[in-house]
Amino acid sequence: MLKPEIHDPQGEAIAGACRRLGFGQVAGVRQGKRFEIELTEPASAERIGQLAAELLANPVIEEFTVHPG
């Protein structure tokens, strides 16, 4: 997800579309991305976090969480 202080025009467009479709209670939307990674053997959440920080996310403007499955 983009950090809260980073402008999210795509989220704003989605929020506007929600209101136009009659969902007036939608106050805001933050758009993000999701990766699902299949492993051949277990890896720690810390190790997967390293992968996310180095390859999948831009830690300067994005935040991420790891949800082991």
PDB file of N, CA and C in Angstrom:
ATOM      1  N   MET A   1       0.844  -1.187   0.000  1.00  0.00           N
ATOM      2  CA  MET A   1       0.000   0.000   0.000  1.00  0.00           C
ATOM      3  C   MET A   1       0.883   1.242   0.000  1.00  0.00           C
ATOM      4  N   LEU A   2       0.377   2.278  -0.644  1.00  0.00           N
ATOM      5  CA  LEU A   2       1.088   3.552  -0.550  1.00  0.00           C
ATOM      6  C   LEU A   2       1.022   4.051   0.884  1.00  0.00           C
ATOM      7  N   LYS A   3       2.061   4.698   1.326  1.00  0.00           N
ATOM      8  CA  LYS A   3       2.048   5.297   2.658  1.00  0.00           C
ATOM      9  C   LYS A   3       0.945   6.358   2.711  1.00  0.00           C
ATOM     10  N   PRO A   4       0.365   6.598   3.901  1.00  0.00           N
ATOM     11  CA  PRO A   4      -0.752   7.542   4.011  1.00  0.00           C
ATOM     12  C   PRO A   4      -0.441   8.938   3.480  1.00  0.00           C
ATOM     13  N   GLU A   5       0.794   9.375   3.585  1.00  0.00           N
ATOM     14  CA  GLU A   5       1.131  10.734   3.146  1.00  0.00           C
ATOM     15  C   GLU A   5       1.353  10.846   1.631  1.00  0.00           C
ATOM     16  N   ILE A   6       1.320   9.724   0.928  1.00  0.00           N
ATOM     17  CA  ILE A   6       1.521   9.717  -0.523  1.00  0.00           C
ATOM     18  C   ILE A   6       0.162   9.842  -1.215  1.00  0.00           C
ATOM     19  N   HIS A   7       0.053  10.794  -2.142  1.00  0.00           N
ATOM     20  CA  HIS A   7      -1.186  11.018  -2.895  1.00  0.00           C
ATOM     21  C   HIS A   7      -1.548   9.766  -3.693  1.00  0.00           C
ATOM     22  N   ASP A   8      -2.826   9.378  -3.667  1.00  0.00           N
ATOM     23  CA  ASP A   8      -3.281   8.165  -4.335  1.00  0.00           C
ATOM     24  C   ASP A   8      -4.404   8.501  -5.320  1.00  0.00           C
ATOM     25  N   PRO A   9      -4.063   8.981  -6.532  1.00  0.00           N
ATOM     26  CA  PRO A   9      -5.109   9.364  -7.484  1.00  0.00           C
ATOM     27  C   PRO A   9      -5.996   8.198  -7.904  1.00  0.00           C
ATOM     28  N   GLN A  10      -5.449   7.003  -7.972  1.00  0.00           N
ATOM     29  CA  GLN A  10      -6.263   5.849  -8.348  1.00  0.00           C
ATOM     30  C   GLN A  10      -7.295   5.551  -7.260  1.00  0.00           C
ATOM     31  N   GLY A  11      -6.889   5.659  -6.007  1.00  0.00           N
ATOM     32  CA  GLY A  11      -7.830   5.473  -4.905  1.00  0.00           C
ATOM     33  C   GLY A  11      -8.924   6.525  -4.921  1.00  0.00           C
ATOM     34  N   GLU A  12      -8.551   7.767  -5.232  1.00  0.00           N
ATOM     35  CA  GLU A  12      -9.540   8.847  -5.309  1.00  0.00           C
ATOM     36  C   GLU A  12     -10.537   8.590  -6.439  1.00  0.00           C
ATOM     37  N   ALA A  13     -10.061   8.094  -7.570  1.00  0.00           N
ATOM     38  CA  ALA A  13     -10.951   7.783  -8.694  1.00  0.00           C
ATOM     39  C   ALA A  13     -11.924   6.668  -8.311  1.00  0.00           C
ATOM     40  N   ILE A  14     -11.439   5.665  -7.604  1.00  0.00           N
ATOM     41  CA  ILE A  14     -12.293   4.560  -7.168  1.00  0.00           C
ATOM     42  C   ILE A  14     -13.342   5.070  -6.186  1.00  0.00           C
ATOM     43  N   ALA A  15     -12.940   5.928  -5.248  1.00  0.00           N
ATOM     44  CA  ALA A  15     -13.878   6.492  -4.280  1.00  0.00           C
ATOM     45  C   ALA A  15     -14.966   7.293  -4.990  1.00  0.00           C
ATOM     46  N   GLY A  16     -14.579   8.088  -5.992  1.00  0.00           N
ATOM     47  CA  GLY A  16     -15.558   8.855  -6.764  1.00  0.00           C
ATOM     48  C   GLY A  16     -16.541   7.946  -7.485  1.00  0.00           C
ATOM     49  N   ALA A  17     -16.025   6.861  -8.066  1.00  0.00           N
ATOM     50  CA  ALA A  17     -16.888   5.908  -8.758  1.00  0.00           C
ATOM     51  C   ALA A  17     -17.846   5.233  -7.775  1.00  0.00           C
ATOM     52  N   CYS A  18     -17.379   4.929  -6.588  1.00  0.00           N
ATOM     53  CA  CYS A  18     -18.251   4.334  -5.564  1.00  0.00           C
ATOM     54  C   CYS A  18     -19.422   5.266  -5.267  1.00  0.00           C
ATOM     55  N   ARG A  19     -19.130   6.544  -5.083  1.00  0.00           N
ATOM     56  CA  ARG A  19     -20.186   7.513  -4.780  1.00  0.00           C
ATOM     57  C   ARG A  19     -21.152   7.651  -5.951  1.00  0.00           C
ATOM     58  N   ARG A  20     -20.634   7.648  -7.182  1.00  0.00           N
ATOM     59  CA  ARG A  20     -21.509   7.735  -8.357  1.00  0.00           C
ATOM     60  C   ARG A  20     -22.415   6.520  -8.478  1.00  0.00           C
ATOM     61  N   LEU A  21     -21.956   5.380  -7.977  1.00  0.00           N
ATOM     62  CA  LEU A  21     -22.752   4.151  -8.015  1.00  0.00           C
ATOM     63  C   LEU A  21     -23.713   4.036  -6.830  1.00  0.00           C
ATOM     64  N   GLY A  22     -23.778   5.086  -6.026  1.00  0.00           N
ATOM     65  CA  GLY A  22     -24.738   5.095  -4.926  1.00  0.00           C
ATOM     66  C   GLY A  22     -24.181   4.687  -3.580  1.00  0.00           C
ATOM     67  N   PHE A  23     -22.885   4.489  -3.479  1.00  0.00           N
ATOM     68  CA  PHE A  23     -22.252   4.147  -2.209  1.00  0.00           C
ATOM     69  C   PHE A  23     -21.702   5.425  -1.572  1.00  0.00           C
ATOM     70  N   GLY A  24     -22.619   6.309  -1.167  1.00  0.00           N
ATOM     71  CA  GLY A  24     -22.232   7.608  -0.622  1.00  0.00           C
ATOM     72  C   GLY A  24     -21.477   7.531   0.688  1.00  0.00           C
ATOM     73  N   GLN A  25     -21.572   6.403   1.375  1.00  0.00           N
ATOM     74  CA  GLN A  25     -20.884   6.250   2.659  1.00  0.00           C
ATOM     75  C   GLN A  25     -19.386   5.998   2.505  1.00  0.00           C
ATOM     76  N   VAL A  26     -18.909   5.798   1.272  1.00  0.00           N
ATOM     77  CA  VAL A  26     -17.475   5.586   1.043  1.00  0.00           C
ATOM     78  C   VAL A  26     -16.763   6.932   1.190  1.00  0.00           C
ATOM     79  N   ALA A  27     -15.961   7.045   2.252  1.00  0.00           N
ATOM     80  CA  ALA A  27     -15.254   8.300   2.544  1.00  0.00           C
ATOM     81  C   ALA A  27     -13.912   8.372   1.827  1.00  0.00           C
ATOM     82  N   GLY A  28     -13.299   7.246   1.551  1.00  0.00           N
ATOM     83  CA  GLY A  28     -12.003   7.242   0.897  1.00  0.00           C
ATOM     84  C   GLY A  28     -11.583   5.834   0.541  1.00  0.00           C
ATOM     85  N   VAL A  29     -10.678   5.737  -0.414  1.00  0.00           N
ATOM     86  CA  VAL A  29     -10.144   4.449  -0.861  1.00  0.00           C
ATOM     87  C   VAL A  29      -8.640   4.599  -1.021  1.00  0.00           C
ATOM     88  N   ARG A  30      -7.886   3.628  -0.562  1.00  0.00           N
ATOM     89  CA  ARG A  30      -6.456   3.542  -0.823  1.00  0.00           C
ATOM     90  C   ARG A  30      -6.254   2.282  -1.654  1.00  0.00           C
ATOM     91  N   GLN A  31      -5.654   2.422  -2.814  1.00  0.00           N
ATOM     92  CA  GLN A  31      -5.440   1.313  -3.714  1.00  0.00           C
ATOM     93  C   GLN A  31      -4.075   0.706  -3.433  1.00  0.00           C
ATOM     94  N   GLY A  32      -3.974  -0.604  -3.539  1.00  0.00           N
ATOM     95  CA  GLY A  32      -2.702  -1.274  -3.303  1.00  0.00           C
ATOM     96  C   GLY A  32      -2.511  -2.452  -4.245  1.00  0.00           C
ATOM     97  N   LYS A  33      -1.538  -3.280  -3.945  1.00  0.00           N
ATOM     98  CA  LYS A  33      -1.287  -4.471  -4.740  1.00  0.00           C
ATOM     99  C   LYS A  33      -1.035  -5.641  -3.809  1.00  0.00           C
ATOM    100  N   ARG A  34      -1.188  -6.820  -4.333  1.00  0.00           N
ATOM    101  CA  ARG A  34      -1.032  -8.035  -3.530  1.00  0.00           C
ATOM    102  C   ARG A  34      -0.216  -9.039  -4.328  1.00  0.00           C
ATOM    103  N   PHE A  35       0.702  -9.699  -3.643  1.00  0.00           N
ATOM    104  CA  PHE A  35       1.476 -10.774  -4.244  1.00  0.00           C
ATOM    105  C   PHE A  35       1.201 -12.045  -3.462  1.00  0.00           C
ATOM    106  N   GLU A  36       1.000 -13.143  -4.152  1.00  0.00           N
ATOM    107  CA  GLU A  36       0.916 -14.459  -3.528  1.00  0.00           C
ATOM    108  C   GLU A  36       2.120 -15.244  -4.019  1.00  0.00           C
ATOM    109  N   ILE A  37       2.945 -15.685  -3.089  1.00  0.00           N
ATOM    110  CA  ILE A  37       4.190 -16.368  -3.439  1.00  0.00           C
ATOM    111  C   ILE A  37       4.106 -17.811  -2.953  1.00  0.00           C
ATOM    112  N   GLU A  38       4.312 -18.738  -3.849  1.00  0.00           N
ATOM    113  CA  GLU A  38       4.310 -20.154  -3.503  1.00  0.00           C
ATOM    114  C   GLU A  38       5.756 -20.599  -3.301  1.00  0.00           C
ATOM    115  N   LEU A  39       6.032 -21.241  -2.179  1.00  0.00           N
ATOM    116  CA  LEU A  39       7.392 -21.671  -1.840  1.00  0.00           C
ATOM    117  C   LEU A  39       7.527 -23.181  -1.961  1.00  0.00           C
ATOM    118  N   THR A  40       8.725 -23.638  -2.272  1.00  0.00           N
ATOM    119  CA  THR A  40       8.985 -25.076  -2.322  1.00  0.00           C
ATOM    120  C   THR A  40       9.286 -25.643  -0.946  1.00  0.00           C
ATOM    121  N   GLU A  41       9.651 -24.753  -0.010  1.00  0.00           N
ATOM    122  CA  GLU A  41       9.907 -25.166   1.375  1.00  0.00           C
ATOM    123  C   GLU A  41       9.619 -23.969   2.280  1.00  0.00           C
ATOM    124  N   PRO A  42       9.364 -24.198   3.564  1.00  0.00           N
ATOM    125  CA  PRO A  42       9.024 -23.093   4.459  1.00  0.00           C
ATOM    126  C   PRO A  42      10.122 -22.034   4.543  1.00  0.00           C
ATOM    127  N   ALA A  43       9.681 -20.797   4.750  1.00  0.00           N
ATOM    128  CA  ALA A  43      10.598 -19.666   4.973  1.00  0.00           C
ATOM    129  C   ALA A  43       9.979 -18.808   6.071  1.00  0.00           C
ATOM    130  N   SER A  44      10.825 -18.165   6.849  1.00  0.00           N
ATOM    131  CA  SER A  44      10.326 -17.323   7.939  1.00  0.00           C
ATOM    132  C   SER A  44       9.671 -16.062   7.380  1.00  0.00           C
ATOM    133  N   ALA A  45       8.762 -15.495   8.157  1.00  0.00           N
ATOM    134  CA  ALA A  45       8.119 -14.236   7.772  1.00  0.00           C
ATOM    135  C   ALA A  45       9.175 -13.143   7.607  1.00  0.00           C
ATOM    136  N   GLU A  46      10.217 -13.193   8.426  1.00  0.00           N
ATOM    137  CA  GLU A  46      11.302 -12.214   8.325  1.00  0.00           C
ATOM    138  C   GLU A  46      12.004 -12.312   6.969  1.00  0.00           C
ATOM    139  N   ARG A  47      12.271 -13.517   6.528  1.00  0.00           N
ATOM    140  CA  ARG A  47      12.944 -13.726   5.236  1.00  0.00           C
ATOM    141  C   ARG A  47      12.048 -13.271   4.077  1.00  0.00           C
ATOM    142  N   ILE A  48      10.765 -13.572   4.161  1.00  0.00           N
ATOM    143  CA  ILE A  48       9.828 -13.146   3.124  1.00  0.00           C
ATOM    144  C   ILE A  48       9.706 -11.619   3.142  1.00  0.00           C
ATOM    145  N   GLY A  49       9.768 -11.023   4.328  1.00  0.00           N
ATOM    146  CA  GLY A  49       9.767  -9.568   4.438  1.00  0.00           C
ATOM    147  C   GLY A  49      10.969  -8.954   3.745  1.00  0.00           C
ATOM    148  N   GLN A  50      12.115  -9.604   3.841  1.00  0.00           N
ATOM    149  CA  GLN A  50      13.306  -9.126   3.129  1.00  0.00           C
ATOM    150  C   GLN A  50      13.077  -9.137   1.623  1.00  0.00           C
ATOM    151  N   LEU A  51      12.466 -10.202   1.134  1.00  0.00           N
ATOM    152  CA  LEU A  51      12.158 -10.293  -0.288  1.00  0.00           C
ATOM    153  C   LEU A  51      11.234  -9.152  -0.711  1.00  0.00           C
ATOM    154  N   ALA A  52      10.207  -8.904   0.079  1.00  0.00           N
ATOM    155  CA  ALA A  52       9.261  -7.829  -0.237  1.00  0.00           C
ATOM    156  C   ALA A  52       9.957  -6.470  -0.253  1.00  0.00           C
ATOM    157  N   ALA A  53      10.788  -6.217   0.745  1.00  0.00           N
ATOM    158  CA  ALA A  53      11.460  -4.915   0.852  1.00  0.00           C
ATOM    159  C   ALA A  53      12.464  -4.693  -0.278  1.00  0.00           C
ATOM    160  N   GLU A  54      13.103  -5.747  -0.717  1.00  0.00           N
ATOM    161  CA  GLU A  54      14.158  -5.611  -1.723  1.00  0.00           C
ATOM    162  C   GLU A  54      13.650  -5.725  -3.162  1.00  0.00           C
ATOM    163  N   LEU A  55      12.521  -6.410  -3.368  1.00  0.00           N
ATOM    164  CA  LEU A  55      12.096  -6.687  -4.738  1.00  0.00           C
ATOM    165  C   LEU A  55      10.667  -6.261  -5.052  1.00  0.00           C
ATOM    166  N   LEU A  56       9.739  -6.485  -4.137  1.00  0.00           N
ATOM    167  CA  LEU A  56       8.327  -6.324  -4.467  1.00  0.00           C
ATOM    168  C   LEU A  56       7.754  -4.960  -4.117  1.00  0.00           C
ATOM    169  N   ALA A  57       8.316  -4.277  -3.147  1.00  0.00           N
ATOM    170  CA  ALA A  57       7.782  -2.988  -2.697  1.00  0.00           C
ATOM    171  C   ALA A  57       8.850  -1.912  -2.820  1.00  0.00           C
ATOM    172  N   ASN A  58       8.388  -0.687  -2.888  1.00  0.00           N
ATOM    173  CA  ASN A  58       9.287   0.467  -2.832  1.00  0.00           C
ATOM    174  C   ASN A  58       9.120   1.061  -1.433  1.00  0.00           C
ATOM    175  N   PRO A  59       9.985   0.697  -0.475  1.00  0.00           N
ATOM    176  CA  PRO A  59       9.798   1.117   0.909  1.00  0.00           C
ATOM    177  C   PRO A  59       9.842   2.630   1.130  1.00  0.00           C
ATOM    178  N   VAL A  60      10.272   3.383   0.148  1.00  0.00           N
ATOM    179  CA  VAL A  60      10.283   4.841   0.272  1.00  0.00           C
ATOM    180  C   VAL A  60       8.854   5.383   0.279  1.00  0.00           C
ATOM    181  N   ILE A  61       7.969   4.786  -0.545  1.00  0.00           N
ATOM    182  CA  ILE A  61       6.605   5.306  -0.649  1.00  0.00           C
ATOM    183  C   ILE A  61       5.537   4.270  -0.288  1.00  0.00           C
ATOM    184  N   GLU A  62       5.928   3.017  -0.076  1.00  0.00           N
ATOM    185  CA  GLU A  62       4.936   1.966   0.193  1.00  0.00           C
ATOM    186  C   GLU A  62       5.197   1.298   1.537  1.00  0.00           C
ATOM    187  N   GLU A  63       4.102   0.798   2.103  1.00  0.00           N
ATOM    188  CA  GLU A  63       4.160  -0.046   3.294  1.00  0.00           C
ATOM    189  C   GLU A  63       3.714  -1.440   2.879  1.00  0.00           C
ATOM    190  N   PHE A  64       4.193  -2.462   3.569  1.00  0.00           N
ATOM    191  CA  PHE A  64       3.741  -3.802   3.245  1.00  0.00           C
ATOM    192  C   PHE A  64       3.625  -4.638   4.507  1.00  0.00           C
ATOM    193  N   THR A  65       2.831  -5.687   4.405  1.00  0.00           N
ATOM    194  CA  THR A  65       2.714  -6.656   5.477  1.00  0.00           C
ATOM    195  C   THR A  65       2.881  -8.042   4.865  1.00  0.00           C
ATOM    196  N   VAL A  66       3.362  -8.975   5.665  1.00  0.00           N
ATOM    197  CA  VAL A  66       3.536 -10.355   5.239  1.00  0.00           C
ATOM    198  C   VAL A  66       2.544 -11.193   6.021  1.00  0.00           C
ATOM    199  N   HIS A  67       1.780 -11.999   5.305  1.00  0.00           N
ATOM    200  CA  HIS A  67       0.789 -12.886   5.911  1.00  0.00           C
ATOM    201  C   HIS A  67       1.129 -14.316   5.511  1.00  0.00           C
ATOM    202  N   PRO A  68       1.910 -15.023   6.322  1.00  0.00           N
ATOM    203  CA  PRO A  68       2.229 -16.415   5.985  1.00  0.00           C
ATOM    204  C   PRO A  68       0.956 -17.239   5.915  1.00  0.00           C
ATOM    205  N   GLY A  69       0.914 -18.134   4.947  1.00  0.00           N
ATOM    206  CA  GLY A  69      -0.310 -18.921   4.763  1.00  0.00           C
ATOM    207  C   GLY A  69      -0.175 -20.339   5.080  1.00  0.00           C
TER     208      GLY A  69
END
